[in-house]
Amino acid sequence: TLLGVRLSSMATKAAMRPRFELRYAGSLDALRDALSRDISATSLCEGEVFRANASLWLPAETRSFWSPYLNLSFESAEDEAGVTVHARFSPHPNVWTFFIALYFAIALVGVGFGVYGMVAWSLHGNPWWLLGAPASAFVIAFVFGASLIGQGLSAGEMHNLRHIVEHACGLSQEVDPASRAVTDPV
């Protein structure tokens, strides 16, 4: 059904680019100040805080191919106090662009094989070119699996970036998640 396709599409997006939301009880200015202070206080990440969004990433000396990039957007409601922080993990923009281009190139090759195979078949030739279409689908699934493995390899780094945002929102006491002595404030 159309609804099933839509739900599975949303699940795939969530798996490729994990998201979370946090609620901050103070003002947007206070959140931006706290986040800037926490980014400066730790050597685990670098980042930029703007008016309505922020980006956090790992320093170049500790970054690997799979290292995450955390995008934050801030939304303050007019009718209630506080700020909602919408966060989305993704690979570094260069890596993300590479994977999208790779998916596109593999799909284009698969369509080419399919078209050439259909033409050969309609001309009573050898239609073995049609096997390229499912083979390209298999390669796309393999690349998708590799991206999920990379996401798993960077889970600790994702946890550290999330922890820094949680600390800025007042949800933990320690800014450095490497200490692992994380407690919730009373």
Foldseek 3Di string as FASTA:
>chain_A
DVVVVVVVVVVLVCLQKPKDKDWFQADQVLLLVLLVVLQVVDQQWHWDGDNFKIKIFGDPVPDDQLGKIKIWGWDADPVHGTIMIIIIIHGDVVSVVVLVVVLVVLQVQLVVLCVVLVVCVVVVHHSPSNVSNVVSVVVNVVSSVVSSVSCVVNVVSVVLVVLCSCVSSQQWDDSGCVVVPTDGDD
